[in-house]
Amino acid sequence: MTIPLLLTCPVGLEDLVRGDLRDRDDVRSELLEPGAIRCESGVEREQLPAMVERVGVPLADVASVISAAALIGLETPAFRVQAKDPSLRSEWIARVEALGWVNAPGEWMLNIDVEAGRIDLGPWHWSRRIGHLQRLPATTPGPVAAGLLRLAKLRVGDQLLDPCAGVGTVPIVDALLRGGPAYSIEQDPQATRLAIENAANLSVQQSVSVLEADATDLPLGDGSVDRVVSDLPFGKRIGSNELNKTLYPAILREVERVLTADGRCVLLSDDKRVFTESVAHARGLKVSGERVIRYNGVTPTAYIVRRSRRPKKKGRA
């Protein structure tokens, strides 16, 4: 008996997830609601697109819980039960404990969400499939970073740059998925330190060059970067909308300088007016596409930015 998988991803990336499942693995899927996808169980854990955050299976009865355990390869996994009704929660705990399993809310492998009617597979979560990253407030979620990279259409050997890299999420995810090479540039010392540690912890330090530098004065040569992917400061948790009026144009000037002639950028911002005005006034760049993404209570836009003309020789090596 096959068990369908229930996938969750950032809202706005569902078509990319479904497209990858179809084109790479010939797996059919359907959109249940924004951010929620149902697909065949034929897809393996390692085949799941990196934009997928959580993976579960439908909850019907205890038999479905046993099937979920088989899917993750454990006979007696630790579990947790989520239910607002205490009596319902106690009932499900008793049912599963009768199998000889341990109720361990802090160390669960299966999360039985009674109201949602699903069983989350702990070992299939993004952090367990791709890697755990140390974070700071406003750190880009891994599945969002994977979506931005997917939009960037990186090729083998392309040099990637994130000029506002924070703890290095975008370059590190790229290194894990594609192998790099990538520059992770950030001017905050604490974030830079965490980026170095994250790269080392996930064994991608040879593929990610972490530099403490200013995004408005990049220590890179002209035309040295094929792709720029970055989660720009929104001006909410970090910076301000007023600061973005000068920051965005300055970043875009440097992006235009270091980008190759056929380069491509994917820049995420929730300060839509300031960003679009900054690109409109930038020399040599244009917005060629955009996509709204929703996660963690914010709805930023991922802008595809390309050259509007061939770069002039500026002589900075």
C-alpha atoms as a PDB file:
ATOM      1  CA  MET A   1       0.000   0.000   0.000  1.00  0.00           C
ATOM      2  CA  THR A   2       1.357   3.387  -0.992  1.00  0.00           C
ATOM      3  CA  ILE A   3       1.034   6.327   1.385  1.00  0.00           C
ATOM      4  CA  PRO A   4       0.735   9.838  -0.052  1.00  0.00           C
ATOM      5  CA  LEU A   5       3.155  12.438   1.267  1.00  0.00           C
ATOM      6  CA  LEU A   6       2.033  15.831   2.560  1.00  0.00           C
ATOM      7  CA  LEU A   7       4.627  18.507   1.788  1.00  0.00           C
ATOM      8  CA  THR A   8       4.805  22.064   3.106  1.00  0.00           C
ATOM      9  CA  CYS A   9       6.848  24.838   1.525  1.00  0.00           C
ATOM     10  CA  PRO A  10       6.889  28.656   1.543  1.00  0.00           C
ATOM     11  CA  VAL A  11       3.805  30.057  -0.175  1.00  0.00           C
ATOM     12  CA  GLY A  12       4.704  31.131  -3.681  1.00  0.00           C
ATOM     13  CA  LEU A  13       7.103  28.269  -4.383  1.00  0.00           C
ATOM     14  CA  GLU A  14       4.546  25.494  -4.843  1.00  0.00           C
ATOM     15  CA  ASP A  15       4.810  25.401  -8.641  1.00  0.00           C
ATOM     16  CA  LEU A  16       8.589  25.069  -8.430  1.00  0.00           C
ATOM     17  CA  VAL A  17       8.299  22.167  -5.987  1.00  0.00           C
ATOM     18  CA  ARG A  18       5.699  20.405  -8.115  1.00  0.00           C
ATOM     19  CA  GLY A  19       7.683  21.043 -11.281  1.00  0.00           C
ATOM     20  CA  ASP A  20      10.817  19.501  -9.788  1.00  0.00           C
ATOM     21  CA  LEU A  21       8.882  16.464  -8.574  1.00  0.00           C
ATOM     22  CA  ARG A  22       7.399  15.995 -12.042  1.00  0.00           C
ATOM     23  CA  ASP A  23      10.412  16.762 -14.217  1.00  0.00           C
ATOM     24  CA  ARG A  24      13.195  15.237 -12.125  1.00  0.00           C
ATOM     25  CA  ASP A  25      11.446  12.271 -10.545  1.00  0.00           C
ATOM     26  CA  ASP A  26       8.249  11.744 -12.582  1.00  0.00           C
ATOM     27  CA  VAL A  27       6.184  12.126  -9.404  1.00  0.00           C
ATOM     28  CA  ARG A  28       2.634  13.439  -9.669  1.00  0.00           C
ATOM     29  CA  SER A  29       1.321  15.928  -7.124  1.00  0.00           C
ATOM     30  CA  GLU A  30      -1.605  18.205  -6.374  1.00  0.00           C
ATOM     31  CA  LEU A  31      -1.893  21.550  -4.625  1.00  0.00           C
ATOM     32  CA  LEU A  32      -4.047  21.224  -1.504  1.00  0.00           C
ATOM     33  CA  GLU A  33      -3.843  24.855  -0.387  1.00  0.00           C
ATOM     34  CA  PRO A  34      -1.219  27.605  -0.418  1.00  0.00           C
ATOM     35  CA  GLY A  35       2.029  26.087   0.829  1.00  0.00           C
ATOM     36  CA  ALA A  36       0.627  22.533   1.000  1.00  0.00           C
ATOM     37  CA  ILE A  37       1.181  19.797  -1.595  1.00  0.00           C
ATOM     38  CA  ARG A  38       0.116  16.166  -1.742  1.00  0.00           C
ATOM     39  CA  CYS A  39       2.233  13.782  -3.772  1.00  0.00           C
ATOM     40  CA  GLU A  40       2.829  10.104  -4.385  1.00  0.00           C
ATOM     41  CA  SER A  41       4.951   8.264  -1.871  1.00  0.00           C
ATOM     42  CA  GLY A  42       7.293   7.074  -4.616  1.00  0.00           C
ATOM     43  CA  VAL A  43       9.636  10.000  -3.983  1.00  0.00           C
ATOM     44  CA  GLU A  44      12.618   9.209  -1.766  1.00  0.00           C
ATOM     45  CA  ARG A  45      13.762  11.402   1.118  1.00  0.00           C
ATOM     46  CA  GLU A  46      16.870  12.495  -0.782  1.00  0.00           C
ATOM     47  CA  GLN A  47      14.808  13.352  -3.874  1.00  0.00           C
ATOM     48  CA  LEU A  48      12.623  15.923  -2.153  1.00  0.00           C
ATOM     49  CA  PRO A  49      13.170  19.462  -3.452  1.00  0.00           C
ATOM     50  CA  ALA A  50      15.119  21.612  -0.987  1.00  0.00           C
ATOM     51  CA  MET A  51      12.214  24.085  -0.964  1.00  0.00           C
ATOM     52  CA  VAL A  52      10.183  21.543   1.040  1.00  0.00           C
ATOM     53  CA  GLU A  53      10.313  22.264   4.767  1.00  0.00           C
ATOM     54  CA  ARG A  54       8.082  19.652   6.425  1.00  0.00           C
ATOM     55  CA  VAL A  55       6.990  16.222   5.240  1.00  0.00           C
ATOM     56  CA  GLY A  56       4.117  14.214   6.666  1.00  0.00           C
ATOM     57  CA  VAL A  57       1.554  11.547   5.891  1.00  0.00           C
ATOM     58  CA  PRO A  58      -2.228  11.546   6.450  1.00  0.00           C
ATOM     59  CA  LEU A  59      -3.429  10.478   9.902  1.00  0.00           C
ATOM     60  CA  ALA A  60      -6.397   8.104   9.887  1.00  0.00           C
ATOM     61  CA  ASP A  61      -5.819   5.549  12.622  1.00  0.00           C
ATOM     62  CA  VAL A  62      -3.058   3.740  14.489  1.00  0.00           C
ATOM     63  CA  ALA A  63      -2.273   1.758  11.344  1.00  0.00           C
ATOM     64  CA  SER A  64      -1.276   4.984   9.595  1.00  0.00           C
ATOM     65  CA  VAL A  65       1.068   5.771  12.500  1.00  0.00           C
ATOM     66  CA  ILE A  66       2.714   2.362  12.060  1.00  0.00           C
ATOM     67  CA  SER A  67       3.066   3.023   8.324  1.00  0.00           C
ATOM     68  CA  ALA A  68       4.706   6.378   9.061  1.00  0.00           C
ATOM     69  CA  ALA A  69       7.242   4.640  11.292  1.00  0.00           C
ATOM     70  CA  ALA A  70       8.044   2.185   8.519  1.00  0.00           C
ATOM     71  CA  LEU A  71       8.564   5.078   6.122  1.00  0.00           C
ATOM     72  CA  ILE A  72      11.326   6.542   8.297  1.00  0.00           C
ATOM     73  CA  GLY A  73      12.800   3.107   8.972  1.00  0.00           C
ATOM     74  CA  LEU A  74      12.099   2.889  12.723  1.00  0.00           C
ATOM     75  CA  GLU A  75      10.112   0.183  14.494  1.00  0.00           C
ATOM     76  CA  THR A  76       9.572   2.039  17.783  1.00  0.00           C
ATOM     77  CA  PRO A  77      10.126   5.762  17.187  1.00  0.00           C
ATOM     78  CA  ALA A  78       9.714   8.411  19.863  1.00  0.00           C
ATOM     79  CA  PHE A  79       6.529  10.375  19.248  1.00  0.00           C
ATOM     80  CA  ARG A  80       4.559  13.465  20.211  1.00  0.00           C
ATOM     81  CA  VAL A  81       0.812  14.096  20.030  1.00  0.00           C
ATOM     82  CA  GLN A  82      -0.615  17.530  19.216  1.00  0.00           C
ATOM     83  CA  ALA A  83      -4.271  18.110  20.122  1.00  0.00           C
ATOM     84  CA  LYS A  84      -5.991  21.073  21.759  1.00  0.00           C
ATOM     85  CA  ASP A  85      -8.438  18.771  23.535  1.00  0.00           C
ATOM     86  CA  PRO A  86      -6.541  17.205  26.499  1.00  0.00           C
ATOM     87  CA  SER A  87      -8.750  14.117  26.519  1.00  0.00           C
ATOM     88  CA  LEU A  88      -8.194  13.568  22.801  1.00  0.00           C
ATOM     89  CA  ARG A  89      -4.458  13.996  23.253  1.00  0.00           C
ATOM     90  CA  SER A  90      -4.423  11.510  26.133  1.00  0.00           C
ATOM     91  CA  GLU A  91      -6.447   9.050  24.075  1.00  0.00           C
ATOM     92  CA  TRP A  92      -3.966   9.141  21.191  1.00  0.00           C
ATOM     93  CA  ILE A  93      -0.970   8.912  23.528  1.00  0.00           C
ATOM     94  CA  ALA A  94      -2.463   5.773  25.073  1.00  0.00           C
ATOM     95  CA  ARG A  95      -3.124   4.257  21.637  1.00  0.00           C
ATOM     96  CA  VAL A  96       0.441   4.756  20.468  1.00  0.00           C
ATOM     97  CA  GLU A  97       2.058   3.813  23.778  1.00  0.00           C
ATOM     98  CA  ALA A  98       0.194   0.516  23.479  1.00  0.00           C
ATOM     99  CA  LEU A  99       2.531  -0.224  20.562  1.00  0.00           C
ATOM    100  CA  GLY A 100       5.490  -0.042  22.939  1.00  0.00           C
ATOM    101  CA  TRP A 101       6.556   3.402  21.709  1.00  0.00           C
ATOM    102  CA  VAL A 102       7.791   6.233  23.946  1.00  0.00           C
ATOM    103  CA  ASN A 103       5.955   9.548  24.250  1.00  0.00           C
ATOM    104  CA  ALA A 104       8.884  12.010  24.075  1.00  0.00           C
ATOM    105  CA  PRO A 105       7.641  15.516  23.114  1.00  0.00           C
ATOM    106  CA  GLY A 106      11.157  16.958  23.126  1.00  0.00           C
ATOM    107  CA  GLU A 107      12.807  14.202  21.086  1.00  0.00           C
ATOM    108  CA  TRP A 108      10.080  13.032  18.729  1.00  0.00           C
ATOM    109  CA  MET A 109      10.580  11.301  15.410  1.00  0.00           C
ATOM    110  CA  LEU A 110       6.861  11.332  14.602  1.00  0.00           C
ATOM    111  CA  ASN A 111       4.602  14.283  15.425  1.00  0.00           C
ATOM    112  CA  ILE A 112       0.963  13.175  15.453  1.00  0.00           C
ATOM    113  CA  ASP A 113      -1.111  16.290  14.773  1.00  0.00           C
ATOM    114  CA  VAL A 114      -4.668  15.171  15.436  1.00  0.00           C
ATOM    115  CA  GLU A 115      -6.466  18.379  14.401  1.00  0.00           C
ATOM    116  CA  ALA A 116      -4.452  18.717  11.185  1.00  0.00           C
ATOM    117  CA  GLY A 117      -4.910  15.026  10.403  1.00  0.00           C
ATOM    118  CA  ARG A 118      -1.236  14.468   9.630  1.00  0.00           C
ATOM    119  CA  ILE A 119       1.858  12.771  10.996  1.00  0.00           C
ATOM    120  CA  ASP A 120       5.046  14.789  10.547  1.00  0.00           C
ATOM    121  CA  LEU A 121       8.182  12.793   9.792  1.00  0.00           C
ATOM    122  CA  GLY A 122      10.988  14.234  11.925  1.00  0.00           C
ATOM    123  CA  PRO A 123      13.917  12.759   9.944  1.00  0.00           C
ATOM    124  CA  TRP A 124      12.442  14.209   6.740  1.00  0.00           C
ATOM    125  CA  HIS A 125      12.345  17.801   8.028  1.00  0.00           C
ATOM    126  CA  TRP A 126      14.463  20.321   6.104  1.00  0.00           C
ATOM    127  CA  SER A 127      17.029  20.675   8.892  1.00  0.00           C
ATOM    128  CA  ARG A 128      17.508  16.900   8.983  1.00  0.00           C
ATOM    129  CA  ARG A 129      17.598  16.412   5.202  1.00  0.00           C
ATOM    130  CA  ILE A 130      19.722  19.409   4.225  1.00  0.00           C
ATOM    131  CA  GLY A 131      21.464  20.615   7.368  1.00  0.00           C
ATOM    132  CA  HIS A 132      21.088  22.561  10.598  1.00  0.00           C
ATOM    133  CA  LEU A 133      22.232  26.185  10.539  1.00  0.00           C
ATOM    134  CA  GLN A 134      22.892  28.533  13.435  1.00  0.00           C
ATOM    135  CA  ARG A 135      20.567  31.500  13.108  1.00  0.00           C
ATOM    136  CA  LEU A 136      20.053  35.115  14.098  1.00  0.00           C
ATOM    137  CA  PRO A 137      16.812  37.145  14.070  1.00  0.00           C
ATOM    138  CA  ALA A 138      15.646  37.696  10.473  1.00  0.00           C
ATOM    139  CA  THR A 139      17.825  34.845   9.157  1.00  0.00           C
ATOM    140  CA  THR A 140      16.574  33.594   5.798  1.00  0.00           C
ATOM    141  CA  PRO A 141      14.784  30.237   6.239  1.00  0.00           C
ATOM    142  CA  GLY A 142      16.518  27.401   4.416  1.00  0.00           C
ATOM    143  CA  PRO A 143      13.562  26.505   2.152  1.00  0.00           C
ATOM    144  CA  VAL A 144      13.261  30.171   1.100  1.00  0.00           C
ATOM    145  CA  ALA A 145      16.976  30.279   0.296  1.00  0.00           C
ATOM    146  CA  ALA A 146      16.548  27.127  -1.788  1.00  0.00           C
ATOM    147  CA  GLY A 147      13.677  28.758  -3.675  1.00  0.00           C
ATOM    148  CA  LEU A 148      15.731  31.858  -4.459  1.00  0.00           C
ATOM    149  CA  LEU A 149      18.559  29.657  -5.721  1.00  0.00           C
ATOM    150  CA  ARG A 150      16.108  27.703  -7.855  1.00  0.00           C
ATOM    151  CA  LEU A 151      14.961  30.960  -9.464  1.00  0.00           C
ATOM    152  CA  ALA A 152      18.574  31.967 -10.116  1.00  0.00           C
ATOM    153  CA  LYS A 153      19.096  29.036 -12.511  1.00  0.00           C
ATOM    154  CA  LEU A 154      22.664  28.415 -11.419  1.00  0.00           C
ATOM    155  CA  ARG A 155      24.873  26.413 -13.758  1.00  0.00           C
ATOM    156  CA  VAL A 156      27.773  24.144 -12.911  1.00  0.00           C
ATOM    157  CA  GLY A 157      30.784  26.309 -12.121  1.00  0.00           C
ATOM    158  CA  ASP A 158      28.855  29.583 -11.802  1.00  0.00           C
ATOM    159  CA  GLN A 159      30.281  31.970  -9.222  1.00  0.00           C
ATOM    160  CA  LEU A 160      27.543  32.918  -6.750  1.00  0.00           C
ATOM    161  CA  LEU A 161      27.502  36.014  -4.558  1.00  0.00           C
ATOM    162  CA  ASP A 162      25.313  36.923  -1.605  1.00  0.00           C
ATOM    163  CA  PRO A 163      26.322  40.486  -0.621  1.00  0.00           C
ATOM    164  CA  CYS A 164      24.026  40.532   2.438  1.00  0.00           C
ATOM    165  CA  ALA A 165      24.598  36.943   3.494  1.00  0.00           C
ATOM    166  CA  GLY A 166      23.999  37.117   7.242  1.00  0.00           C
ATOM    167  CA  VAL A 167      24.873  33.697   8.668  1.00  0.00           C
ATOM    168  CA  GLY A 168      25.562  32.383   5.171  1.00  0.00           C
ATOM    169  CA  THR A 169      22.312  30.550   4.496  1.00  0.00           C
ATOM    170  CA  VAL A 170      22.072  31.179   0.743  1.00  0.00           C
ATOM    171  CA  PRO A 171      25.715  30.382  -0.159  1.00  0.00           C
ATOM    172  CA  ILE A 172      25.803  27.372   2.167  1.00  0.00           C
ATOM    173  CA  VAL A 173      22.567  25.900   0.800  1.00  0.00           C
ATOM    174  CA  ASP A 174      23.964  26.404  -2.697  1.00  0.00           C
ATOM    175  CA  ALA A 175      27.164  24.608  -1.710  1.00  0.00           C
ATOM    176  CA  LEU A 176      25.177  21.703  -0.278  1.00  0.00           C
ATOM    177  CA  LEU A 177      22.990  21.414  -3.372  1.00  0.00           C
ATOM    178  CA  ARG A 178      25.301  22.430  -6.226  1.00  0.00           C
ATOM    179  CA  GLY A 179      28.794  22.420  -4.752  1.00  0.00           C
ATOM    180  CA  GLY A 180      29.464  26.156  -5.119  1.00  0.00           C
ATOM    181  CA  PRO A 181      31.581  28.191  -5.564  1.00  0.00           C
ATOM    182  CA  ALA A 182      30.054  31.074  -3.630  1.00  0.00           C
ATOM    183  CA  TYR A 183      30.945  34.280  -1.822  1.00  0.00           C
ATOM    184  CA  SER A 184      29.211  34.932   1.498  1.00  0.00           C
ATOM    185  CA  ILE A 185      29.686  38.627   2.263  1.00  0.00           C
ATOM    186  CA  GLU A 186      28.390  40.275   5.433  1.00  0.00           C
ATOM    187  CA  GLN A 187      29.540  43.331   7.377  1.00  0.00           C
ATOM    188  CA  ASP A 188      28.204  42.261  10.793  1.00  0.00           C
ATOM    189  CA  PRO A 189      31.000  40.497  12.730  1.00  0.00           C
ATOM    190  CA  GLN A 190      28.670  38.199  14.682  1.00  0.00           C
ATOM    191  CA  ALA A 191      26.842  37.037  11.571  1.00  0.00           C
ATOM    192  CA  THR A 192      30.140  36.555   9.749  1.00  0.00           C
ATOM    193  CA  ARG A 193      31.453  34.401  12.593  1.00  0.00           C
ATOM    194  CA  LEU A 194      28.317  32.244  12.482  1.00  0.00           C
ATOM    195  CA  ALA A 195      28.605  31.939   8.697  1.00  0.00           C
ATOM    196  CA  ILE A 196      32.149  30.616   9.091  1.00  0.00           C
ATOM    197  CA  GLU A 197      30.971  28.148  11.738  1.00  0.00           C
ATOM    198  CA  ASN A 198      27.960  27.067   9.673  1.00  0.00           C
ATOM    199  CA  ALA A 199      30.121  26.396   6.621  1.00  0.00           C
ATOM    200  CA  ALA A 200      32.592  24.395   8.711  1.00  0.00           C
ATOM    201  CA  ASN A 201      29.885  22.439  10.530  1.00  0.00           C
ATOM    202  CA  LEU A 202      28.368  21.372   7.211  1.00  0.00           C
ATOM    203  CA  SER A 203      31.779  20.714   5.602  1.00  0.00           C
ATOM    204  CA  VAL A 204      31.369  23.235   2.769  1.00  0.00           C
ATOM    205  CA  GLN A 205      34.097  25.681   3.814  1.00  0.00           C
ATOM    206  CA  GLN A 206      36.055  24.847   0.647  1.00  0.00           C
ATOM    207  CA  SER A 207      33.091  25.891  -1.507  1.00  0.00           C
ATOM    208  CA  VAL A 208      32.018  29.034   0.387  1.00  0.00           C
ATOM    209  CA  SER A 209      34.330  32.022   0.817  1.00  0.00           C
ATOM    210  CA  VAL A 210      33.095  33.966   3.855  1.00  0.00           C
ATOM    211  CA  LEU A 211      34.189  37.610   3.888  1.00  0.00           C
ATOM    212  CA  GLU A 212      33.460  40.396   6.353  1.00  0.00           C
ATOM    213  CA  ALA A 213      32.869  43.318   4.012  1.00  0.00           C
ATOM    214  CA  ASP A 214      30.420  46.039   2.988  1.00  0.00           C
ATOM    215  CA  ALA A 215      27.813  45.208   0.327  1.00  0.00           C
ATOM    216  CA  THR A 216      28.193  48.758  -0.997  1.00  0.00           C
ATOM    217  CA  ASP A 217      31.959  48.336  -1.504  1.00  0.00           C
ATOM    218  CA  LEU A 218      32.537  44.736  -2.530  1.00  0.00           C
ATOM    219  CA  PRO A 219      36.111  43.391  -2.511  1.00  0.00           C
ATOM    220  CA  LEU A 220      35.512  41.726  -5.889  1.00  0.00           C
ATOM    221  CA  GLY A 221      36.610  42.464  -9.421  1.00  0.00           C
ATOM    222  CA  ASP A 222      34.442  43.777 -12.241  1.00  0.00           C
ATOM    223  CA  GLY A 223      32.411  41.074 -13.976  1.00  0.00           C
ATOM    224  CA  SER A 224      33.558  38.393 -11.541  1.00  0.00           C
ATOM    225  CA  VAL A 225      30.156  37.031 -10.466  1.00  0.00           C
ATOM    226  CA  ASP A 226      27.670  34.998 -12.532  1.00  0.00           C
ATOM    227  CA  ARG A 227      24.747  35.006 -10.103  1.00  0.00           C
ATOM    228  CA  VAL A 228      23.741  37.257  -7.220  1.00  0.00           C
ATOM    229  CA  VAL A 229      21.178  35.856  -4.794  1.00  0.00           C
ATOM    230  CA  SER A 230      20.377  37.772  -1.627  1.00  0.00           C
ATOM    231  CA  ASP A 231      17.747  38.410   1.011  1.00  0.00           C
ATOM    232  CA  LEU A 232      18.109  42.184   1.304  1.00  0.00           C
ATOM    233  CA  PRO A 233      17.390  44.031   4.566  1.00  0.00           C
ATOM    234  CA  PHE A 234      13.641  44.678   4.673  1.00  0.00           C
ATOM    235  CA  GLY A 235      13.966  47.698   6.951  1.00  0.00           C
ATOM    236  CA  LYS A 236      11.888  46.037   9.684  1.00  0.00           C
ATOM    237  CA  ARG A 237      13.920  43.819  12.020  1.00  0.00           C
ATOM    238  CA  ILE A 238      17.151  45.079  10.473  1.00  0.00           C
ATOM    239  CA  GLY A 239      17.754  48.642   9.260  1.00  0.00           C
ATOM    240  CA  SER A 240      14.903  50.945   8.270  1.00  0.00           C
ATOM    241  CA  ASN A 241      12.878  51.924   5.228  1.00  0.00           C
ATOM    242  CA  GLU A 242      14.585  55.306   5.278  1.00  0.00           C
ATOM    243  CA  LEU A 243      18.023  53.675   5.249  1.00  0.00           C
ATOM    244  CA  ASN A 244      16.995  51.487   2.321  1.00  0.00           C
ATOM    245  CA  LYS A 245      16.572  54.610   0.164  1.00  0.00           C
ATOM    246  CA  THR A 246      20.348  54.984   0.120  1.00  0.00           C
ATOM    247  CA  LEU A 247      21.335  51.366   0.806  1.00  0.00           C
ATOM    248  CA  TYR A 248      19.513  49.730  -2.102  1.00  0.00           C
ATOM    249  CA  PRO A 249      20.929  52.038  -4.818  1.00  0.00           C
ATOM    250  CA  ALA A 250      24.435  51.576  -3.395  1.00  0.00           C
ATOM    251  CA  ILE A 251      24.098  47.782  -3.364  1.00  0.00           C
ATOM    252  CA  LEU A 252      22.712  47.749  -6.901  1.00  0.00           C
ATOM    253  CA  ARG A 253      25.633  49.837  -8.180  1.00  0.00           C
ATOM    254  CA  GLU A 254      28.047  47.235  -6.856  1.00  0.00           C
ATOM    255  CA  VAL A 255      25.934  44.351  -8.145  1.00  0.00           C
ATOM    256  CA  GLU A 256      25.950  45.896 -11.618  1.00  0.00           C
ATOM    257  CA  ARG A 257      29.731  46.290 -11.423  1.00  0.00           C
ATOM    258  CA  VAL A 258      30.585  42.712 -10.415  1.00  0.00           C
ATOM    259  CA  LEU A 259      27.934  40.936 -12.526  1.00  0.00           C
ATOM    260  CA  THR A 260      28.998  39.180 -15.721  1.00  0.00           C
ATOM    261  CA  ALA A 261      27.477  40.207 -19.047  1.00  0.00           C
ATOM    262  CA  ASP A 262      24.976  37.330 -18.950  1.00  0.00           C
ATOM    263  CA  GLY A 263      24.540  37.448 -15.179  1.00  0.00           C
ATOM    264  CA  ARG A 264      21.303  37.007 -13.293  1.00  0.00           C
ATOM    265  CA  CYS A 265      20.175  38.217  -9.859  1.00  0.00           C
ATOM    266  CA  VAL A 266      17.433  37.100  -7.508  1.00  0.00           C
ATOM    267  CA  LEU A 267      16.942  39.724  -4.821  1.00  0.00           C
ATOM    268  CA  LEU A 268      14.350  39.372  -2.063  1.00  0.00           C
ATOM    269  CA  SER A 269      12.840  42.493  -0.507  1.00  0.00           C
ATOM    270  CA  ASP A 270       9.706  43.489   1.347  1.00  0.00           C
ATOM    271  CA  ASP A 271      10.436  47.177   0.705  1.00  0.00           C
ATOM    272  CA  LYS A 272       8.856  46.942  -2.721  1.00  0.00           C
ATOM    273  CA  ARG A 273       8.536  50.639  -3.545  1.00  0.00           C
ATOM    274  CA  VAL A 274      12.106  51.527  -2.635  1.00  0.00           C
ATOM    275  CA  PHE A 275      13.501  48.473  -4.425  1.00  0.00           C
ATOM    276  CA  THR A 276      11.639  49.001  -7.698  1.00  0.00           C
ATOM    277  CA  GLU A 277      12.480  52.711  -7.699  1.00  0.00           C
ATOM    278  CA  SER A 278      16.132  51.888  -7.030  1.00  0.00           C
ATOM    279  CA  VAL A 279      16.291  49.468  -9.966  1.00  0.00           C
ATOM    280  CA  ALA A 280      14.469  51.952 -12.207  1.00  0.00           C
ATOM    281  CA  HIS A 281      17.149  54.548 -11.480  1.00  0.00           C
ATOM    282  CA  ALA A 282      20.041  52.072 -11.679  1.00  0.00           C
ATOM    283  CA  ARG A 283      22.156  52.135 -14.788  1.00  0.00           C
ATOM    284  CA  GLY A 284      22.452  48.824 -16.540  1.00  0.00           C
ATOM    285  CA  LEU A 285      19.896  46.779 -14.569  1.00  0.00           C
ATOM    286  CA  LYS A 286      16.228  45.923 -15.022  1.00  0.00           C
ATOM    287  CA  VAL A 287      13.585  43.777 -13.327  1.00  0.00           C
ATOM    288  CA  SER A 288      12.680  40.899 -15.649  1.00  0.00           C
ATOM    289  CA  GLY A 289      10.370  39.005 -13.303  1.00  0.00           C
ATOM    290  CA  GLU A 290       9.007  38.875  -9.796  1.00  0.00           C
ATOM    291  CA  ARG A 291       7.384  36.413  -7.429  1.00  0.00           C
ATOM    292  CA  VAL A 292       5.697  37.035  -4.071  1.00  0.00           C
ATOM    293  CA  ILE A 293       6.706  34.602  -1.321  1.00  0.00           C
ATOM    294  CA  ARG A 294       4.985  34.245   2.051  1.00  0.00           C
ATOM    295  CA  TYR A 295       6.596  32.815   5.166  1.00  0.00           C
ATOM    296  CA  ASN A 296       6.864  33.628   8.871  1.00  0.00           C
ATOM    297  CA  GLY A 297       4.270  36.400   8.626  1.00  0.00           C
ATOM    298  CA  VAL A 298       6.032  38.372   5.867  1.00  0.00           C
ATOM    299  CA  THR A 299       5.297  38.582   2.132  1.00  0.00           C
ATOM    300  CA  PRO A 300       8.426  39.820   0.369  1.00  0.00           C
ATOM    301  CA  THR A 301       8.930  39.755  -3.381  1.00  0.00           C
ATOM    302  CA  ALA A 302      11.727  37.892  -5.133  1.00  0.00           C
ATOM    303  CA  TYR A 303      12.861  40.092  -8.022  1.00  0.00           C
ATOM    304  CA  ILE A 304      14.655  38.639 -11.026  1.00  0.00           C
ATOM    305  CA  VAL A 305      17.133  41.316 -12.081  1.00  0.00           C
ATOM    306  CA  ARG A 306      19.225  41.205 -15.243  1.00  0.00           C
ATOM    307  CA  ARG A 307      21.364  43.568 -17.246  1.00  0.00           C
ATOM    308  CA  SER A 308      19.612  46.064 -19.471  1.00  0.00           C
ATOM    309  CA  ARG A 309      22.812  46.702 -21.434  1.00  0.00           C
ATOM    310  CA  ARG A 310      26.296  45.283 -21.770  1.00  0.00           C
ATOM    311  CA  PRO A 311      28.682  46.412 -19.035  1.00  0.00           C
ATOM    312  CA  LYS A 312      31.284  49.062 -19.702  1.00  0.00           C
ATOM    313  CA  LYS A 313      34.900  48.322 -18.869  1.00  0.00           C
ATOM    314  CA  LYS A 314      35.724  49.946 -15.540  1.00  0.00           C
ATOM    315  CA  GLY A 315      39.118  48.429 -14.845  1.00  0.00           C
ATOM    316  CA  ARG A 316      38.637  47.239 -11.259  1.00  0.00           C
ATOM    317  CA  ALA A 317      40.213  43.833 -10.853  1.00  0.00           C
END
